[in-house]
Amino acid sequence: MWGAEMGVNKYRLAIGNDAMFTKVKFVKQKKGLTGMDLLRHALERWAHVEEAITCITTLLVFKILQSHHIDDAH
């Protein structure tokens, strides 16, 4: 895994990543983006917090919709 749990870019935009745990049973999949991927992507591209939030939430929603579409197709 490449990346860090937190970072700051040249615009002084700071983002951190934290683990979340659940007791809900789910099937683990080894595909997709990690939290560190999302963090790095936002820090590489954006200067303002609003842009970073939009970027990260858009990627998350896209991935959720994509996984539901794939599940429905099978």
N, C-alpha and C. Protein backbone atom coordinates (compact mmCIF):
# COMPACT_ATOMS: atom_id res chain seq x y z
N MET A 1 0.85 -1.16 0.00
CA MET A 1 0.00 0.00 0.00
C MET A 1 0.90 1.24 0.00
N TRP A 2 0.57 2.18 -0.85
CA TRP A 2 1.37 3.40 -0.97
C TRP A 2 0.56 4.56 -0.43
N GLY A 3 1.16 5.39 0.40
CA GLY A 3 0.46 6.57 0.87
C GLY A 3 0.63 6.78 2.36
N ALA A 4 -0.06 7.76 2.86
CA ALA A 4 0.00 8.10 4.28
C ALA A 4 -1.41 8.34 4.78
N GLU A 5 -1.55 8.36 6.09
CA GLU A 5 -2.86 8.56 6.71
C GLU A 5 -3.28 10.02 6.75
N MET A 6 -2.35 10.93 6.46
CA MET A 6 -2.67 12.35 6.48
C MET A 6 -1.71 13.07 5.54
N GLY A 7 -2.09 14.28 5.13
CA GLY A 7 -1.20 15.03 4.26
C GLY A 7 -1.62 16.48 4.15
N VAL A 8 -0.69 17.28 3.67
CA VAL A 8 -0.91 18.71 3.43
C VAL A 8 -0.30 19.02 2.08
N ASN A 9 -1.01 19.77 1.25
CA ASN A 9 -0.47 20.11 -0.07
C ASN A 9 0.12 21.52 -0.08
N LYS A 10 0.59 21.96 -1.23
CA LYS A 10 1.25 23.27 -1.34
C LYS A 10 0.30 24.44 -1.07
N TYR A 11 -1.00 24.19 -1.10
CA TYR A 11 -2.00 25.23 -0.81
C TYR A 11 -2.40 25.23 0.66
N ARG A 12 -1.76 24.39 1.46
CA ARG A 12 -2.02 24.21 2.89
C ARG A 12 -3.38 23.55 3.16
N LEU A 13 -3.86 22.80 2.18
CA LEU A 13 -5.05 21.97 2.38
C LEU A 13 -4.61 20.72 3.13
N ALA A 14 -5.18 20.46 4.28
CA ALA A 14 -4.82 19.31 5.09
C ALA A 14 -5.99 18.32 5.14
N ILE A 15 -5.69 17.04 4.94
CA ILE A 15 -6.70 15.98 4.98
C ILE A 15 -6.13 14.82 5.78
N GLY A 16 -6.97 14.19 6.59
CA GLY A 16 -6.57 13.02 7.36
C GLY A 16 -7.50 11.86 7.10
N ASN A 17 -7.01 10.67 7.32
CA ASN A 17 -7.75 9.43 7.11
C ASN A 17 -7.84 8.71 8.45
N ASP A 18 -8.99 8.15 8.77
CA ASP A 18 -9.16 7.43 10.02
C ASP A 18 -9.89 6.13 9.75
N ALA A 19 -9.60 5.12 10.53
CA ALA A 19 -10.25 3.81 10.38
C ALA A 19 -11.63 3.83 11.04
N MET A 20 -12.54 3.08 10.46
CA MET A 20 -13.87 2.91 11.04
C MET A 20 -14.12 1.41 11.15
N PHE A 21 -14.73 0.99 12.22
CA PHE A 21 -14.99 -0.43 12.44
C PHE A 21 -16.50 -0.65 12.58
N THR A 22 -16.94 -1.85 12.22
CA THR A 22 -18.35 -2.18 12.31
C THR A 22 -18.51 -3.61 12.78
N LYS A 23 -19.64 -3.89 13.37
CA LYS A 23 -19.98 -5.27 13.74
C LYS A 23 -20.88 -5.90 12.68
N VAL A 24 -21.27 -5.10 11.68
CA VAL A 24 -22.12 -5.57 10.59
C VAL A 24 -21.28 -6.49 9.70
N LYS A 25 -21.80 -7.65 9.40
CA LYS A 25 -21.09 -8.60 8.54
C LYS A 25 -21.17 -8.14 7.09
N PHE A 26 -20.06 -8.22 6.37
CA PHE A 26 -20.03 -7.86 4.96
C PHE A 26 -18.95 -8.68 4.27
N VAL A 27 -19.05 -8.76 2.96
CA VAL A 27 -18.08 -9.49 2.17
C VAL A 27 -16.94 -8.54 1.81
N LYS A 28 -15.72 -8.89 2.24
CA LYS A 28 -14.56 -8.05 1.93
C LYS A 28 -14.16 -8.25 0.47
N GLN A 29 -13.87 -7.15 -0.19
CA GLN A 29 -13.42 -7.20 -1.57
C GLN A 29 -12.07 -6.50 -1.65
N LYS A 30 -11.16 -7.06 -2.40
CA LYS A 30 -9.81 -6.48 -2.52
C LYS A 30 -9.69 -5.60 -3.75
N LYS A 31 -10.75 -4.86 -4.08
CA LYS A 31 -10.70 -3.99 -5.24
C LYS A 31 -11.23 -2.62 -4.85
N GLY A 32 -10.92 -1.65 -5.66
CA GLY A 32 -11.42 -0.32 -5.39
C GLY A 32 -10.37 0.59 -4.80
N LEU A 33 -10.82 1.74 -4.33
CA LEU A 33 -9.94 2.75 -3.78
C LEU A 33 -9.90 2.64 -2.26
N THR A 34 -8.73 2.89 -1.71
CA THR A 34 -8.60 2.95 -0.25
C THR A 34 -8.78 4.40 0.19
N GLY A 35 -8.91 4.60 1.49
CA GLY A 35 -8.98 5.95 2.02
C GLY A 35 -7.76 6.77 1.67
N MET A 36 -6.60 6.11 1.68
CA MET A 36 -5.35 6.81 1.33
C MET A 36 -5.33 7.19 -0.14
N ASP A 37 -5.94 6.37 -1.00
CA ASP A 37 -6.04 6.73 -2.42
C ASP A 37 -6.87 8.00 -2.59
N LEU A 38 -8.00 8.06 -1.89
CA LEU A 38 -8.87 9.23 -1.97
C LEU A 38 -8.17 10.48 -1.44
N LEU A 39 -7.47 10.33 -0.33
CA LEU A 39 -6.74 11.44 0.27
C LEU A 39 -5.68 11.97 -0.70
N ARG A 40 -4.88 11.08 -1.25
CA ARG A 40 -3.82 11.47 -2.17
C ARG A 40 -4.39 12.14 -3.42
N HIS A 41 -5.46 11.57 -3.95
CA HIS A 41 -6.10 12.12 -5.15
C HIS A 41 -6.54 13.56 -4.90
N ALA A 42 -7.19 13.81 -3.77
CA ALA A 42 -7.69 15.16 -3.46
C ALA A 42 -6.53 16.13 -3.23
N LEU A 43 -5.50 15.71 -2.51
CA LEU A 43 -4.37 16.60 -2.23
C LEU A 43 -3.59 16.94 -3.49
N GLU A 44 -3.52 16.02 -4.43
CA GLU A 44 -2.79 16.27 -5.68
C GLU A 44 -3.52 17.26 -6.58
N ARG A 45 -4.83 17.38 -6.44
CA ARG A 45 -5.61 18.11 -7.43
C ARG A 45 -6.28 19.40 -6.94
N TRP A 46 -6.49 19.57 -5.63
CA TRP A 46 -7.34 20.65 -5.18
C TRP A 46 -6.65 21.57 -4.18
N ALA A 47 -7.10 22.83 -4.17
CA ALA A 47 -6.54 23.85 -3.27
C ALA A 47 -7.49 24.20 -2.14
N HIS A 48 -8.78 23.95 -2.31
CA HIS A 48 -9.78 24.38 -1.34
C HIS A 48 -10.53 23.17 -0.77
N VAL A 49 -10.93 23.28 0.49
CA VAL A 49 -11.60 22.18 1.16
C VAL A 49 -12.90 21.78 0.45
N GLU A 50 -13.64 22.74 -0.06
CA GLU A 50 -14.89 22.42 -0.73
C GLU A 50 -14.65 21.54 -1.96
N GLU A 51 -13.59 21.84 -2.71
CA GLU A 51 -13.24 21.04 -3.89
C GLU A 51 -12.84 19.63 -3.49
N ALA A 52 -12.07 19.51 -2.42
CA ALA A 52 -11.62 18.19 -1.96
C ALA A 52 -12.80 17.35 -1.48
N ILE A 53 -13.72 17.97 -0.74
CA ILE A 53 -14.91 17.25 -0.26
C ILE A 53 -15.75 16.77 -1.44
N THR A 54 -15.97 17.63 -2.41
CA THR A 54 -16.74 17.25 -3.60
C THR A 54 -16.05 16.10 -4.33
N CYS A 55 -14.75 16.19 -4.48
CA CYS A 55 -13.98 15.15 -5.16
C CYS A 55 -14.13 13.80 -4.46
N ILE A 56 -13.89 13.78 -3.16
CA ILE A 56 -13.93 12.52 -2.40
C ILE A 56 -15.34 11.95 -2.37
N THR A 57 -16.35 12.76 -2.10
CA THR A 57 -17.71 12.24 -2.04
C THR A 57 -18.20 11.77 -3.41
N THR A 58 -17.80 12.45 -4.47
CA THR A 58 -18.17 12.02 -5.82
C THR A 58 -17.57 10.66 -6.13
N LEU A 59 -16.30 10.46 -5.80
CA LEU A 59 -15.67 9.16 -6.03
C LEU A 59 -16.33 8.06 -5.20
N LEU A 60 -16.69 8.36 -3.96
CA LEU A 60 -17.36 7.36 -3.12
C LEU A 60 -18.73 6.99 -3.67
N VAL A 61 -19.51 7.99 -4.04
CA VAL A 61 -20.85 7.72 -4.59
C VAL A 61 -20.74 6.94 -5.89
N PHE A 62 -19.81 7.32 -6.74
CA PHE A 62 -19.61 6.60 -8.00
C PHE A 62 -19.28 5.14 -7.74
N LYS A 63 -18.40 4.87 -6.79
CA LYS A 63 -18.01 3.50 -6.48
C LYS A 63 -19.19 2.72 -5.91
N ILE A 64 -19.99 3.35 -5.05
CA ILE A 64 -21.16 2.68 -4.48
C ILE A 64 -22.16 2.35 -5.59
N LEU A 65 -22.45 3.31 -6.45
CA LEU A 65 -23.39 3.06 -7.55
C LEU A 65 -22.86 2.00 -8.50
N GLN A 66 -21.57 2.04 -8.77
CA GLN A 66 -20.96 1.05 -9.65
C GLN A 66 -21.06 -0.35 -9.05
N SER A 67 -20.82 -0.49 -7.77
CA SER A 67 -20.89 -1.81 -7.14
C SER A 67 -22.32 -2.33 -7.11
N HIS A 68 -23.31 -1.45 -6.91
CA HIS A 68 -24.71 -1.89 -6.93
C HIS A 68 -25.10 -2.31 -8.34
N HIS A 69 -24.63 -1.60 -9.34
CA HIS A 69 -24.93 -1.96 -10.73
C HIS A 69 -24.35 -3.32 -11.06
N ILE A 70 -23.14 -3.58 -10.62
CA ILE A 70 -22.48 -4.86 -10.88
C ILE A 70 -23.23 -5.97 -10.15
N ASP A 71 -23.64 -5.72 -8.88
CA ASP A 71 -24.38 -6.74 -8.13
C ASP A 71 -25.73 -7.04 -8.77
N ASP A 72 -26.41 -6.01 -9.27
CA ASP A 72 -27.72 -6.22 -9.91
C ASP A 72 -27.60 -6.99 -11.21
N ALA A 73 -26.46 -6.86 -11.88
CA ALA A 73 -26.29 -7.52 -13.18
C ALA A 73 -26.08 -9.02 -13.04
N HIS A 74 -25.67 -9.48 -11.85
CA HIS A 74 -25.40 -10.90 -11.67
C HIS A 74 -26.54 -11.58 -11.03
